[in-house]
């Protein structure tokens, strides 16, 4: 059996995907979400084998022809629920939510029926005739279109979940241990490209019978799918264990009161907030929330949020981090603290995540903490 360059690339992607998927299943980090992600990765790898069956000739063997592989309808809901449980690690999976996997279950049962109906027949033409009596080709084409529709629906639902989380993160908490999951935006981009790729391939096949003459577009699609499987496994496995419980992200975002605040009221709340930050240094609390600040200032939480957005032109999280960065810069310039580590200064200034601190510091100053010290002659 000879393998082409395409086969080798596909095998590399499949192997890496299966390994990382298995590691995710065994990982103790983010257990609930990782189970969904691992199953999605392994399913993607399993789907990639379909092309190998044809290019290597395995499809023309008795036990592989019509082998039950209906994973197209389960990948999208698996990735969606990975996102759901990643953003709310304490959430329970309900039987009602299991209905999302019903189309896959029906499709997979149908695939098993066809497989076992043709299994005892060795003649390939007879196998095809038996499968045809079950309308195999028509069913598979329908499943492909349902798979494209499923991808659109679950990408949309996942995007809404992610936006809700980011909105809550920016406007409600300054706890730097909460990750921003920037890599998930790349996941959305890859998913959109994958869905668009699949749609284009089916469109070409439906309108001009492109697949009858060429196969390179499906080869490219399968290589890309293997790459996505590998990427998901790599970034998913290295994510830190973070317990997140944010059911309230499904609630409407905080809005100002129905009566607009006057300029004087906004200025008053802004002055209270600045005094609390400068004199009381509320930002040193690593888990500081908008609610805590509102209670301290004895102001309405909605009005405080509105003031921060309008007066400071920032989100709550951005504003608090700005004060923390200024505190870090002041301490880095303090000769009395020159023996203290950069991380120690960051932790004393309200940060509770090393990775987040370095990222936020560079975002605000344009340089790393060491470069800042070097520029100011402290190194």
Protein backbone atom coordinates (compact mmCIF):
# COMPACT_ATOMS: atom_id res chain seq x y z
CA UNK A 1 0.00 0.00 0.00
CA UNK A 2 1.55 3.29 -1.15
CA UNK A 3 0.91 6.57 0.63
CA UNK A 4 0.86 9.90 -1.18
CA UNK A 5 2.03 13.18 0.34
CA UNK A 6 -1.61 13.99 1.03
CA UNK A 7 -2.05 10.67 2.87
CA UNK A 8 1.04 11.33 4.98
CA UNK A 9 -0.13 14.84 5.94
CA UNK A 10 -3.53 13.48 6.85
CA UNK A 11 -2.04 10.65 8.91
CA UNK A 12 0.18 13.11 10.81
CA UNK A 13 -2.81 15.30 11.61
CA UNK A 14 -4.96 12.34 12.64
CA UNK A 15 -2.24 10.85 14.85
CA UNK A 16 -1.53 14.13 16.61
CA UNK A 17 -5.26 14.77 17.04
CA UNK A 18 -5.89 11.35 18.57
CA UNK A 19 -2.94 11.75 20.96
CA UNK A 20 -3.96 15.22 22.14
CA UNK A 21 -7.61 14.15 22.34
CA UNK A 22 -6.66 11.22 24.54
CA UNK A 23 -4.49 13.45 26.74
CA UNK A 24 -7.44 15.80 27.15
CA UNK A 25 -9.66 12.92 28.26
CA UNK A 26 -7.07 11.97 30.87
CA UNK A 27 -6.33 15.55 31.96
CA UNK A 28 -7.56 16.72 35.36
CA UNK A 29 -7.93 20.32 34.15
CA UNK A 30 -11.39 21.65 33.27
CA UNK A 31 -12.73 18.09 33.32
CA UNK A 32 -16.26 18.70 32.02
CA UNK A 33 -15.29 20.97 29.15
CA UNK A 34 -12.30 18.84 28.18
CA UNK A 35 -14.47 15.78 27.71
CA UNK A 36 -16.51 17.55 25.05
CA UNK A 37 -13.41 18.99 23.38
CA UNK A 38 -11.62 15.63 23.38
CA UNK A 39 -14.61 13.90 21.80
CA UNK A 40 -14.85 16.66 19.16
CA UNK A 41 -11.14 16.26 18.29
CA UNK A 42 -11.32 12.47 18.08
CA UNK A 43 -14.47 12.73 15.95
CA UNK A 44 -12.73 15.14 13.55
CA UNK A 45 -9.85 12.67 13.26
CA UNK A 46 -12.29 9.82 12.64
CA UNK A 47 -13.95 11.86 9.89
CA UNK A 48 -10.56 12.45 8.26
CA UNK A 49 -10.14 8.68 7.87
CA UNK A 50 -12.99 8.65 5.35
CA UNK A 51 -10.74 10.19 2.73
CA UNK A 52 -7.92 7.76 3.56
CA UNK A 53 -10.25 4.82 2.99
CA UNK A 54 -10.72 5.97 -0.59
CA UNK A 55 -7.15 7.05 -1.41
CA UNK A 56 -5.63 3.87 0.03
CA UNK A 57 -8.23 1.54 -1.50
CA UNK A 58 -9.61 0.38 1.85
CA UNK A 59 -13.09 1.45 0.79
CA UNK A 60 -13.09 -1.43 -1.68
CA UNK A 61 -12.67 -4.02 1.06
CA UNK A 62 -15.45 -5.99 2.71
CA UNK A 63 -15.21 -4.65 6.26
CA UNK A 64 -14.52 -0.99 5.53
CA UNK A 65 -17.10 -0.30 2.84
CA UNK A 66 -20.05 1.52 4.47
CA UNK A 67 -18.27 1.50 7.81
CA UNK A 68 -20.53 3.52 10.19
CA UNK A 69 -19.01 7.00 10.52
CA UNK A 70 -21.65 9.73 10.92
CA UNK A 71 -19.62 12.20 12.97
CA UNK A 72 -20.53 15.22 10.84
CA UNK A 73 -23.59 15.90 12.99
CA UNK A 74 -21.87 15.74 16.37
CA UNK A 75 -18.77 17.93 15.98
CA UNK A 76 -20.58 21.28 16.16
CA UNK A 77 -22.64 20.54 19.32
CA UNK A 78 -19.56 19.01 20.99
CA UNK A 79 -17.51 22.16 20.44
CA UNK A 80 -20.45 24.30 21.54
CA UNK A 81 -20.82 22.42 24.83
CA UNK A 82 -17.06 22.55 25.33
CA UNK A 83 -17.42 26.34 25.24
CA UNK A 84 -20.49 26.29 27.52
CA UNK A 85 -18.73 24.26 30.21
CA UNK A 86 -15.46 26.13 29.81
CA UNK A 87 -17.28 29.37 30.66
CA UNK A 88 -19.26 27.77 33.47
CA UNK A 89 -17.36 24.85 34.98
CA UNK A 90 -19.97 24.19 37.68
CA UNK A 91 -22.86 23.79 35.29
CA UNK A 92 -24.67 20.44 35.13
CA UNK A 93 -25.42 18.68 31.85
CA UNK A 94 -29.16 18.05 31.59
CA UNK A 95 -31.08 15.40 29.68
CA UNK A 96 -32.81 18.21 27.81
CA UNK A 97 -29.45 19.32 26.46
CA UNK A 98 -28.79 15.75 25.33
CA UNK A 99 -31.39 16.39 22.62
CA UNK A 100 -28.71 18.37 20.80
CA UNK A 101 -27.09 15.04 19.99
CA UNK A 102 -30.27 13.34 18.77
CA UNK A 103 -29.62 14.02 15.03
CA UNK A 104 -26.22 12.34 15.39
CA UNK A 105 -27.73 9.37 17.22
CA UNK A 106 -30.32 8.84 14.48
CA UNK A 107 -27.69 9.19 11.77
CA UNK A 108 -25.28 6.80 13.48
CA UNK A 109 -27.99 4.17 14.02
CA UNK A 110 -28.88 4.43 10.32
CA UNK A 111 -25.17 4.00 9.42
CA UNK A 112 -24.98 0.84 11.55
CA UNK A 113 -28.11 -0.56 9.90
CA UNK A 114 -26.63 -0.08 6.42
CA UNK A 115 -23.25 -1.45 7.48
CA UNK A 116 -24.57 -4.67 8.95
CA UNK A 117 -27.05 -5.09 6.10
CA UNK A 118 -24.14 -5.11 3.63
CA UNK A 119 -21.51 -6.80 5.82
CA UNK A 120 -22.22 -10.40 4.87
CA UNK A 121 -22.05 -9.62 1.14
CA UNK A 122 -18.56 -9.81 -0.36
CA UNK A 123 -19.42 -8.60 -3.85
CA UNK A 124 -18.97 -4.81 -3.91
CA UNK A 125 -21.65 -4.24 -6.54
CA UNK A 126 -24.17 -6.16 -4.46
CA UNK A 127 -23.12 -4.14 -1.42
CA UNK A 128 -23.79 -0.92 -3.33
CA UNK A 129 -27.18 -2.21 -4.44
CA UNK A 130 -28.15 -3.08 -0.87
CA UNK A 131 -27.00 0.32 0.36
CA UNK A 132 -28.95 1.92 -2.48
CA UNK A 133 -32.11 0.20 -1.31
CA UNK A 134 -31.67 2.17 1.93
CA UNK A 135 -31.24 5.40 -0.11
CA UNK A 136 -27.71 5.65 1.27
CA UNK A 137 -26.43 8.33 -1.12
CA UNK A 138 -29.49 10.56 -0.71
CA UNK A 139 -29.36 10.26 3.08
CA UNK A 140 -25.66 11.13 3.22
CA UNK A 141 -26.12 14.17 1.01
CA UNK A 142 -28.95 15.33 3.28
CA UNK A 143 -26.75 14.78 6.34
CA UNK A 144 -24.02 16.91 4.75
CA UNK A 145 -26.42 19.82 4.30
CA UNK A 146 -27.74 19.39 7.83
CA UNK A 147 -24.11 19.43 9.01
CA UNK A 148 -23.52 22.80 7.34
CA UNK A 149 -26.70 24.19 8.91
CA UNK A 150 -25.68 22.77 12.29
CA UNK A 151 -22.29 24.49 12.06
CA UNK A 152 -23.94 27.85 11.36
CA UNK A 153 -26.35 27.46 14.29
CA UNK A 154 -23.76 26.35 16.86
CA UNK A 155 -21.15 28.90 15.78
CA UNK A 156 -23.79 31.60 16.29
CA UNK A 157 -24.81 30.24 19.71
CA UNK A 158 -21.18 29.91 20.80
CA UNK A 159 -20.37 33.44 19.66
CA UNK A 160 -23.25 34.78 21.75
CA UNK A 161 -21.98 32.88 24.81
CA UNK A 162 -18.48 34.23 24.32
CA UNK A 163 -19.70 37.81 23.91
CA UNK A 164 -21.74 37.50 27.10
CA UNK A 165 -18.70 36.25 28.99
CA UNK A 166 -16.46 39.03 27.69
CA UNK A 167 -19.10 41.66 28.53
CA UNK A 168 -19.39 40.29 32.07
CA UNK A 169 -15.61 40.08 32.42
CA UNK A 170 -14.99 43.68 31.35
CA UNK A 171 -17.80 45.31 33.31
CA UNK A 172 -18.13 43.28 36.50
CA UNK A 173 -14.81 41.99 37.82
CA UNK A 174 -11.16 43.02 38.05
CA UNK A 175 -10.04 39.54 39.14
CA UNK A 176 -7.10 38.88 36.80
CA UNK A 177 -7.28 35.13 37.39
CA UNK A 178 -10.29 35.02 35.09
CA UNK A 179 -8.94 34.26 31.60
CA UNK A 180 -10.05 36.28 28.60
CA UNK A 181 -9.90 33.21 26.31
CA UNK A 182 -8.57 35.20 23.37
CA UNK A 183 -7.66 31.95 21.66
CA UNK A 184 -11.38 31.13 21.39
CA UNK A 185 -11.76 33.92 18.84
CA UNK A 186 -9.26 32.03 16.69
CA UNK A 187 -11.37 28.92 17.22
CA UNK A 188 -14.39 30.81 15.89
CA UNK A 189 -12.37 31.94 12.89
CA UNK A 190 -11.19 28.39 12.15
CA UNK A 191 -14.74 27.06 12.57
CA UNK A 192 -16.15 29.66 10.20
CA UNK A 193 -13.51 28.83 7.59
CA UNK A 194 -14.19 25.10 8.05
CA UNK A 195 -17.94 25.62 7.63
CA UNK A 196 -17.46 27.90 4.62
CA UNK A 197 -15.05 25.37 3.08
CA UNK A 198 -17.61 22.59 3.52
CA UNK A 199 -20.40 24.72 2.09
CA UNK A 200 -18.31 25.69 -0.94
CA UNK A 201 -17.37 22.09 -1.69
CA UNK A 202 -21.00 20.96 -1.55
CA UNK A 203 -22.09 23.95 -3.61
CA UNK A 204 -19.57 23.10 -6.34
CA UNK A 205 -20.70 19.48 -6.33
CA UNK A 206 -24.37 20.43 -6.48
CA UNK A 207 -24.18 23.11 -9.18
CA UNK A 208 -21.47 21.98 -11.61
CA UNK A 209 -20.65 18.40 -10.51
CA UNK A 210 -17.14 19.60 -9.66
CA UNK A 211 -16.42 16.48 -7.59
CA UNK A 212 -16.93 14.27 -10.63
CA UNK A 213 -13.77 15.69 -12.23
CA UNK A 214 -11.64 16.94 -9.33
CA UNK A 215 -10.94 15.94 -5.75
CA UNK A 216 -8.26 18.43 -4.67
CA UNK A 217 -10.85 20.64 -2.93
CA UNK A 218 -11.88 17.73 -0.68
CA UNK A 219 -8.22 16.86 -0.11
CA UNK A 220 -7.56 20.42 1.06
CA UNK A 221 -10.67 20.34 3.24
CA UNK A 222 -9.57 17.14 4.98
CA UNK A 223 -6.03 18.42 5.59
CA UNK A 224 -7.48 21.62 7.04
CA UNK A 225 -9.88 19.60 9.23
CA UNK A 226 -6.92 17.58 10.56
CA UNK A 227 -5.09 20.83 11.30
CA UNK A 228 -8.10 22.18 13.23
CA UNK A 229 -8.23 18.95 15.25
CA UNK A 230 -4.55 19.33 16.14
CA UNK A 231 -4.93 23.01 17.03
CA UNK A 232 -7.91 22.32 19.29
CA UNK A 233 -6.03 19.60 21.12
CA UNK A 234 -2.88 21.69 21.55
CA UNK A 235 -4.49 24.85 22.90
CA UNK A 236 -7.15 22.97 24.85
CA UNK A 237 -4.62 20.82 26.69
CA UNK A 238 -2.38 23.69 27.75
CA UNK A 239 -5.24 25.74 29.22
CA UNK A 240 -4.87 26.15 33.01
CA UNK A 241 -7.40 24.70 35.44
CA UNK A 242 -9.81 27.55 36.18
CA UNK A 243 -13.11 27.23 38.01
CA UNK A 244 -15.57 29.65 36.42
CA UNK A 245 -19.17 29.99 37.45
CA UNK A 246 -20.95 32.81 35.66
CA UNK A 247 -24.59 31.85 35.18
CA UNK A 248 -25.39 35.54 35.35
CA UNK A 249 -23.78 36.16 31.95
CA UNK A 250 -27.13 35.16 30.51
CA UNK A 251 -28.69 38.19 32.20
CA UNK A 252 -28.93 41.55 30.43
CA UNK A 253 -25.82 43.75 30.77
CA UNK A 254 -25.82 46.45 33.43
CA UNK A 255 -27.56 49.57 32.18
CA UNK A 256 -27.94 53.03 33.71
CA UNK A 257 -31.16 53.95 35.44
CA UNK A 258 -34.07 55.08 33.29
CA UNK A 259 -33.45 58.69 34.32
CA UNK A 260 -30.20 59.88 32.64
CA UNK A 261 -27.50 61.01 35.02
CA UNK A 262 -26.64 64.70 34.91
CA UNK A 263 -23.07 65.85 34.33
CA UNK A 264 -22.89 66.87 37.98
CA UNK A 265 -23.96 63.39 39.13
CA UNK A 266 -21.45 61.71 36.83
CA UNK A 267 -18.70 64.04 38.06
CA UNK A 268 -19.64 63.35 41.68
CA UNK A 269 -19.51 59.56 41.26
CA UNK A 270 -16.27 59.84 39.30
CA UNK A 271 -14.70 61.91 42.09
CA UNK A 272 -15.81 59.39 44.73
CA UNK A 273 -14.29 56.59 42.66
CA UNK A 274 -10.98 58.39 42.13
CA UNK A 275 -10.70 59.19 45.84
CA UNK A 276 -11.35 55.56 46.74
CA UNK A 277 -8.71 54.38 44.30
CA UNK A 278 -6.04 56.94 45.24
CA UNK A 279 -6.61 57.16 48.99
CA UNK A 280 -8.02 53.75 49.87
CA UNK A 281 -6.41 51.84 47.01
CA UNK A 282 -9.37 49.55 46.45
CA UNK A 283 -7.61 48.15 43.40
CA UNK A 284 -5.22 46.23 45.67
CA UNK A 285 -8.05 43.75 46.27
CA UNK A 286 -7.25 41.06 43.65
CA UNK A 287 -10.87 39.89 43.41
CA UNK A 288 -12.42 43.36 43.33
CA UNK A 289 -15.83 43.51 41.68
CA UNK A 290 -18.06 46.33 40.48
CA UNK A 291 -20.61 45.41 43.16
CA UNK A 292 -18.01 45.74 45.94
CA UNK A 293 -16.93 49.16 44.71
CA UNK A 294 -20.54 50.33 44.43
CA UNK A 295 -21.23 49.20 48.00
CA UNK A 296 -18.09 50.95 49.25
CA UNK A 297 -19.02 54.21 47.54
CA UNK A 298 -22.69 53.78 48.47
CA UNK A 299 -23.81 54.40 44.89
CA UNK A 300 -26.09 52.56 42.51
CA UNK A 301 -24.20 49.79 40.69
CA UNK A 302 -25.75 50.70 37.34
CA UNK A 303 -24.89 54.36 37.77
CA UNK A 304 -21.32 53.47 38.69
CA UNK A 305 -20.95 51.32 35.57
CA UNK A 306 -22.41 54.09 33.45
CA UNK A 307 -20.03 56.65 34.97
CA UNK A 308 -16.98 54.47 34.32
CA UNK A 309 -17.98 53.92 30.70
CA UNK A 310 -18.90 57.57 30.03
CA UNK A 311 -16.47 59.57 32.18
CA UNK A 312 -13.38 57.38 31.98
CA UNK A 313 -14.19 55.92 28.55
CA UNK A 314 -13.12 52.51 29.84
CA UNK A 315 -14.59 49.32 31.17
CA UNK A 316 -14.45 48.57 34.90
CA UNK A 317 -11.73 45.95 34.39
CA UNK A 318 -9.60 48.28 32.26
CA UNK A 319 -9.87 51.09 34.79
CA UNK A 320 -8.84 48.95 37.76
CA UNK A 321 -5.94 47.45 35.83
CA UNK A 322 -4.79 50.95 34.92
CA UNK A 323 -4.50 51.83 38.62
CA UNK A 324 -2.72 48.55 39.29
CA UNK A 325 -0.20 49.16 36.52
CA UNK A 326 0.52 52.66 37.87
CA UNK A 327 1.08 51.11 41.30
CA UNK A 328 3.49 48.56 39.81
CA UNK A 329 5.39 51.28 37.95
CA UNK A 330 5.73 53.34 41.11
CA UNK A 331 7.03 50.36 43.08
CA UNK A 332 9.45 49.37 40.32
CA UNK A 333 10.93 52.87 40.58
CA UNK A 334 11.11 52.71 44.38
CA UNK A 335 14.70 52.16 45.51
CA UNK A 336 13.46 50.63 48.76
CA UNK A 337 11.76 47.81 46.83
CA UNK A 338 14.52 47.05 44.32
CA UNK A 339 15.22 43.67 45.98
CA UNK A 340 11.61 42.56 45.59
CA UNK A 341 10.80 40.43 42.55
CA UNK A 342 8.68 41.79 39.71
CA UNK A 343 6.05 39.12 40.35
CA UNK A 344 6.01 39.93 44.06
CA UNK A 345 5.38 43.61 43.26
CA UNK A 346 2.61 42.64 40.83
CA UNK A 347 0.90 40.46 43.44
CA UNK A 348 1.16 43.26 46.01
CA UNK A 349 -0.43 45.63 43.51
CA UNK A 350 -3.64 43.65 43.02
CA UNK A 351 -2.77 41.13 40.33
CA UNK A 352 -3.27 37.44 41.06
CA UNK A 353 -2.22 35.96 37.72
CA UNK A 354 1.36 36.13 36.46
CA UNK A 355 0.44 35.62 32.80
CA UNK A 356 -2.27 38.27 32.91
CA UNK A 357 0.03 40.75 34.65
CA UNK A 358 2.75 40.57 32.00
CA UNK A 359 0.20 40.82 29.19
CA UNK A 360 -1.62 43.79 30.77
CA UNK A 361 1.62 45.57 31.67
CA UNK A 362 2.88 45.43 28.10
CA UNK A 363 -0.51 46.51 26.78
CA UNK A 364 -0.49 49.63 28.99
CA UNK A 365 3.19 50.56 28.71
CA UNK A 366 4.26 49.07 25.39
CA UNK A 367 7.20 47.28 27.05
CA UNK A 368 7.77 44.36 29.39
CA UNK A 369 8.48 45.01 33.11
CA UNK A 370 12.20 44.25 32.59
CA UNK A 371 12.38 46.61 29.64
CA UNK A 372 10.64 49.24 31.77
CA UNK A 373 13.27 48.83 34.49
CA UNK A 374 16.09 48.95 31.95
CA UNK A 375 14.68 52.13 30.37
CA UNK A 376 14.46 53.78 33.78
CA UNK A 377 17.99 52.75 34.75
CA UNK A 378 16.92 50.24 37.37
CA UNK A 379 18.72 47.30 35.78
